């Protein structure tokens, strides 16, 4: 679930912007953004959440190598989680 919509590419891949959420909030309450924002403020602090909101208007285009770097990083994280789960 994304706090700032995914159409805002500048924060689309920001891990602070993406968290697990239940179907009720995500589908039927349009993200339940008031509670989502409260959760983010509790977790990261008001200043960082405000920065996230501000950055949604920034222009950002990832280069091919940056995308590949992210793919590799997340694949490694998944592999690590699989090892932990065994």
N, C-alpha and C. Protein backbone atom coordinates (compact mmCIF):
# COMPACT_ATOMS: atom_id res chain seq x y z
N UNK A 1 0.85 -1.16 0.00
CA UNK A 1 0.00 0.00 0.00
C UNK A 1 0.90 1.23 0.00
N UNK A 2 0.63 2.17 -0.86
CA UNK A 2 1.42 3.40 -0.96
C UNK A 2 0.67 4.56 -0.32
N UNK A 3 1.38 5.33 0.50
CA UNK A 3 0.79 6.52 1.11
C UNK A 3 0.63 7.59 0.04
N UNK A 4 1.72 7.93 -0.62
CA UNK A 4 1.67 8.83 -1.77
C UNK A 4 1.45 7.93 -2.99
N UNK A 5 0.45 8.19 -3.82
CA UNK A 5 0.15 7.29 -4.93
C UNK A 5 1.36 6.97 -5.81
N UNK A 6 1.35 5.77 -6.37
CA UNK A 6 2.45 5.29 -7.20
C UNK A 6 2.67 6.14 -8.44
N UNK A 7 1.68 6.87 -8.87
CA UNK A 7 1.84 7.72 -10.06
C UNK A 7 2.90 8.80 -9.83
N UNK A 8 3.21 9.09 -8.56
CA UNK A 8 4.26 10.05 -8.22
C UNK A 8 5.59 9.29 -8.21
N UNK A 9 6.24 9.24 -9.36
CA UNK A 9 7.43 8.41 -9.54
C UNK A 9 8.58 8.76 -8.61
N UNK A 10 8.63 9.98 -8.15
CA UNK A 10 9.75 10.39 -7.29
C UNK A 10 9.75 9.67 -5.95
N UNK A 11 8.61 9.17 -5.50
CA UNK A 11 8.55 8.44 -4.23
C UNK A 11 7.98 7.04 -4.40
N UNK A 12 7.78 6.63 -5.64
CA UNK A 12 7.19 5.31 -5.90
C UNK A 12 8.00 4.18 -5.28
N UNK A 13 9.32 4.27 -5.35
CA UNK A 13 10.18 3.20 -4.86
C UNK A 13 10.73 3.48 -3.47
N UNK A 14 10.28 4.53 -2.83
CA UNK A 14 10.72 4.87 -1.47
C UNK A 14 10.08 3.90 -0.48
N UNK A 15 10.89 3.17 0.25
CA UNK A 15 10.36 2.17 1.18
C UNK A 15 9.53 2.78 2.29
N UNK A 16 9.78 4.04 2.61
CA UNK A 16 8.97 4.70 3.63
C UNK A 16 7.54 4.91 3.12
N UNK A 17 7.36 4.95 1.82
CA UNK A 17 6.06 5.20 1.22
C UNK A 17 5.23 3.93 1.04
N UNK A 18 5.81 2.78 1.21
CA UNK A 18 5.12 1.53 0.92
C UNK A 18 5.12 0.59 2.12
N UNK A 19 3.93 0.21 2.55
CA UNK A 19 3.77 -0.69 3.70
C UNK A 19 2.62 -1.65 3.43
N UNK A 20 2.65 -2.78 4.11
CA UNK A 20 1.56 -3.74 4.00
C UNK A 20 0.29 -3.15 4.60
N UNK A 21 -0.82 -3.47 3.99
CA UNK A 21 -2.10 -3.01 4.50
C UNK A 21 -3.17 -4.04 4.23
N UNK A 22 -4.26 -3.95 4.95
CA UNK A 22 -5.32 -4.94 4.74
C UNK A 22 -6.23 -4.49 3.59
N UNK A 23 -6.95 -5.45 3.05
CA UNK A 23 -7.80 -5.19 1.89
C UNK A 23 -8.89 -4.16 2.21
N UNK A 24 -9.39 -4.18 3.43
CA UNK A 24 -10.43 -3.22 3.80
C UNK A 24 -9.98 -1.78 3.66
N UNK A 25 -8.79 -1.50 4.18
CA UNK A 25 -8.26 -0.14 4.09
C UNK A 25 -7.85 0.20 2.65
N UNK A 26 -7.16 -0.74 2.02
CA UNK A 26 -6.59 -0.46 0.71
C UNK A 26 -7.66 -0.35 -0.37
N UNK A 27 -8.63 -1.24 -0.39
CA UNK A 27 -9.61 -1.28 -1.47
C UNK A 27 -10.87 -0.48 -1.16
N UNK A 28 -11.36 -0.60 0.06
CA UNK A 28 -12.67 -0.05 0.36
C UNK A 28 -12.63 1.31 1.05
N UNK A 29 -11.50 1.65 1.63
CA UNK A 29 -11.37 2.96 2.29
C UNK A 29 -10.34 3.84 1.60
N UNK A 30 -10.01 3.54 0.36
CA UNK A 30 -9.04 4.32 -0.43
C UNK A 30 -7.73 4.52 0.31
N UNK A 31 -7.28 3.49 1.00
CA UNK A 31 -6.01 3.54 1.71
C UNK A 31 -6.12 4.00 3.15
N UNK A 32 -7.30 4.45 3.56
CA UNK A 32 -7.50 4.94 4.93
C UNK A 32 -6.35 5.88 5.31
N UNK A 33 -6.14 6.90 4.47
CA UNK A 33 -4.94 7.74 4.53
C UNK A 33 -4.74 8.47 5.85
N UNK A 34 -5.80 8.83 6.54
CA UNK A 34 -5.63 9.50 7.84
C UNK A 34 -4.92 8.58 8.83
N UNK A 35 -5.38 7.35 8.92
CA UNK A 35 -4.74 6.40 9.84
C UNK A 35 -3.36 5.98 9.33
N UNK A 36 -3.23 5.88 8.01
CA UNK A 36 -1.94 5.53 7.42
C UNK A 36 -0.92 6.62 7.75
N UNK A 37 -1.33 7.89 7.63
CA UNK A 37 -0.44 9.00 7.95
C UNK A 37 -0.06 8.98 9.43
N UNK A 38 -1.02 8.72 10.30
CA UNK A 38 -0.72 8.62 11.74
C UNK A 38 0.32 7.53 12.00
N UNK A 39 0.15 6.39 11.34
CA UNK A 39 1.11 5.28 11.48
C UNK A 39 2.50 5.71 11.02
N UNK A 40 2.58 6.37 9.87
CA UNK A 40 3.88 6.81 9.35
C UNK A 40 4.53 7.83 10.28
N UNK A 41 3.74 8.74 10.83
CA UNK A 41 4.28 9.74 11.76
C UNK A 41 4.82 9.05 13.00
N UNK A 42 4.09 8.07 13.52
CA UNK A 42 4.57 7.32 14.69
C UNK A 42 5.87 6.58 14.38
N UNK A 43 5.96 6.03 13.19
CA UNK A 43 7.13 5.22 12.81
C UNK A 43 8.34 6.07 12.42
N UNK A 44 8.12 7.15 11.64
CA UNK A 44 9.24 7.91 11.07
C UNK A 44 9.37 9.33 11.60
N UNK A 45 8.31 9.86 12.18
CA UNK A 45 8.32 11.25 12.63
C UNK A 45 7.67 12.17 11.61
N UNK A 46 7.10 13.24 12.12
CA UNK A 46 6.36 14.18 11.27
C UNK A 46 7.24 14.81 10.19
N UNK A 47 8.48 15.15 10.53
CA UNK A 47 9.35 15.82 9.55
C UNK A 47 9.60 14.93 8.33
N UNK A 48 9.90 13.65 8.54
CA UNK A 48 10.16 12.76 7.42
C UNK A 48 8.91 12.52 6.58
N UNK A 49 7.76 12.42 7.23
CA UNK A 49 6.51 12.25 6.48
C UNK A 49 6.23 13.50 5.65
N UNK A 50 6.46 14.67 6.22
CA UNK A 50 6.28 15.91 5.46
C UNK A 50 7.23 15.97 4.27
N UNK A 51 8.47 15.51 4.47
CA UNK A 51 9.43 15.47 3.35
C UNK A 51 8.96 14.53 2.26
N UNK A 52 8.41 13.39 2.65
CA UNK A 52 7.88 12.44 1.68
C UNK A 52 6.76 13.09 0.86
N UNK A 53 5.87 13.79 1.53
CA UNK A 53 4.76 14.46 0.84
C UNK A 53 5.30 15.54 -0.10
N UNK A 54 6.29 16.28 0.34
CA UNK A 54 6.89 17.33 -0.50
C UNK A 54 7.58 16.75 -1.74
N UNK A 55 8.27 15.63 -1.55
CA UNK A 55 9.05 15.04 -2.65
C UNK A 55 8.17 14.46 -3.75
N UNK A 56 6.88 14.29 -3.49
CA UNK A 56 6.01 13.73 -4.53
C UNK A 56 5.96 14.60 -5.78
N UNK A 57 6.27 15.88 -5.61
CA UNK A 57 6.22 16.81 -6.74
C UNK A 57 7.56 16.92 -7.48
N UNK A 58 8.58 16.26 -6.98
CA UNK A 58 9.90 16.32 -7.60
C UNK A 58 9.93 15.44 -8.85
N UNK A 59 10.71 15.88 -9.81
CA UNK A 59 10.91 15.07 -11.01
C UNK A 59 11.99 14.04 -10.71
N UNK A 60 11.75 12.81 -11.15
CA UNK A 60 12.74 11.76 -10.92
C UNK A 60 12.61 10.72 -12.02
N UNK A 61 13.73 10.40 -12.60
CA UNK A 61 13.75 9.33 -13.59
C UNK A 61 14.94 8.45 -13.26
N UNK A 62 14.66 7.19 -12.96
CA UNK A 62 15.74 6.26 -12.65
C UNK A 62 16.42 5.82 -13.93
N UNK A 63 17.72 5.73 -13.86
CA UNK A 63 18.50 5.21 -14.98
C UNK A 63 18.38 3.69 -14.98
N UNK A 64 18.67 3.09 -16.12
CA UNK A 64 18.55 1.64 -16.25
C UNK A 64 19.39 0.92 -15.19
N UNK A 65 20.61 1.40 -14.95
CA UNK A 65 21.49 0.76 -13.97
C UNK A 65 20.93 0.89 -12.55
N UNK A 66 20.22 1.99 -12.27
CA UNK A 66 19.63 2.16 -10.94
C UNK A 66 18.47 1.19 -10.73
N UNK A 67 17.70 0.98 -11.77
CA UNK A 67 16.61 0.01 -11.68
C UNK A 67 17.18 -1.39 -11.48
N UNK A 68 18.23 -1.72 -12.23
CA UNK A 68 18.85 -3.04 -12.09
C UNK A 68 19.43 -3.21 -10.69
N UNK A 69 20.00 -2.16 -10.14
CA UNK A 69 20.54 -2.20 -8.78
C UNK A 69 19.44 -2.50 -7.76
N UNK A 70 18.28 -1.86 -7.93
CA UNK A 70 17.15 -2.11 -7.03
C UNK A 70 16.65 -3.55 -7.17
N UNK A 71 16.57 -4.04 -8.39
CA UNK A 71 16.13 -5.42 -8.62
C UNK A 71 17.06 -6.39 -7.90
N UNK A 72 18.35 -6.18 -8.04
CA UNK A 72 19.33 -7.05 -7.38
C UNK A 72 19.20 -6.97 -5.87
N UNK A 73 19.05 -5.77 -5.33
CA UNK A 73 18.91 -5.59 -3.89
C UNK A 73 17.69 -6.35 -3.36
N UNK A 74 16.55 -6.19 -4.03
CA UNK A 74 15.33 -6.84 -3.55
C UNK A 74 15.39 -8.36 -3.73
N UNK A 75 16.01 -8.83 -4.78
CA UNK A 75 16.20 -10.28 -4.95
C UNK A 75 17.04 -10.83 -3.80
N UNK A 76 18.10 -10.10 -3.44
CA UNK A 76 18.94 -10.53 -2.32
C UNK A 76 18.16 -10.54 -1.00
N UNK A 77 17.32 -9.55 -0.81
CA UNK A 77 16.50 -9.51 0.41
C UNK A 77 15.54 -10.70 0.46
N UNK A 78 14.93 -11.01 -0.68
CA UNK A 78 14.01 -12.15 -0.73
C UNK A 78 14.76 -13.44 -0.41
N UNK A 79 15.94 -13.60 -0.99
CA UNK A 79 16.75 -14.79 -0.70
C UNK A 79 17.07 -14.88 0.78
N UNK A 80 17.43 -13.76 1.39
CA UNK A 80 17.71 -13.72 2.82
C UNK A 80 16.50 -14.10 3.67
N UNK A 81 15.34 -13.64 3.27
CA UNK A 81 14.12 -13.98 4.00
C UNK A 81 13.79 -15.46 3.87
N UNK A 82 14.03 -16.02 2.70
CA UNK A 82 13.80 -17.46 2.51
C UNK A 82 14.71 -18.28 3.41
N UNK A 83 15.96 -17.83 3.58
CA UNK A 83 16.90 -18.54 4.44
C UNK A 83 16.43 -18.47 5.88
N UNK A 84 15.98 -17.31 6.32
CA UNK A 84 15.49 -17.12 7.69
C UNK A 84 14.25 -17.98 7.95
N UNK A 85 13.39 -18.10 6.94
CA UNK A 85 12.13 -18.83 7.09
C UNK A 85 12.35 -20.35 7.19
N UNK A 86 13.49 -20.84 6.76
CA UNK A 86 13.72 -22.29 6.78
C UNK A 86 14.01 -22.81 8.15
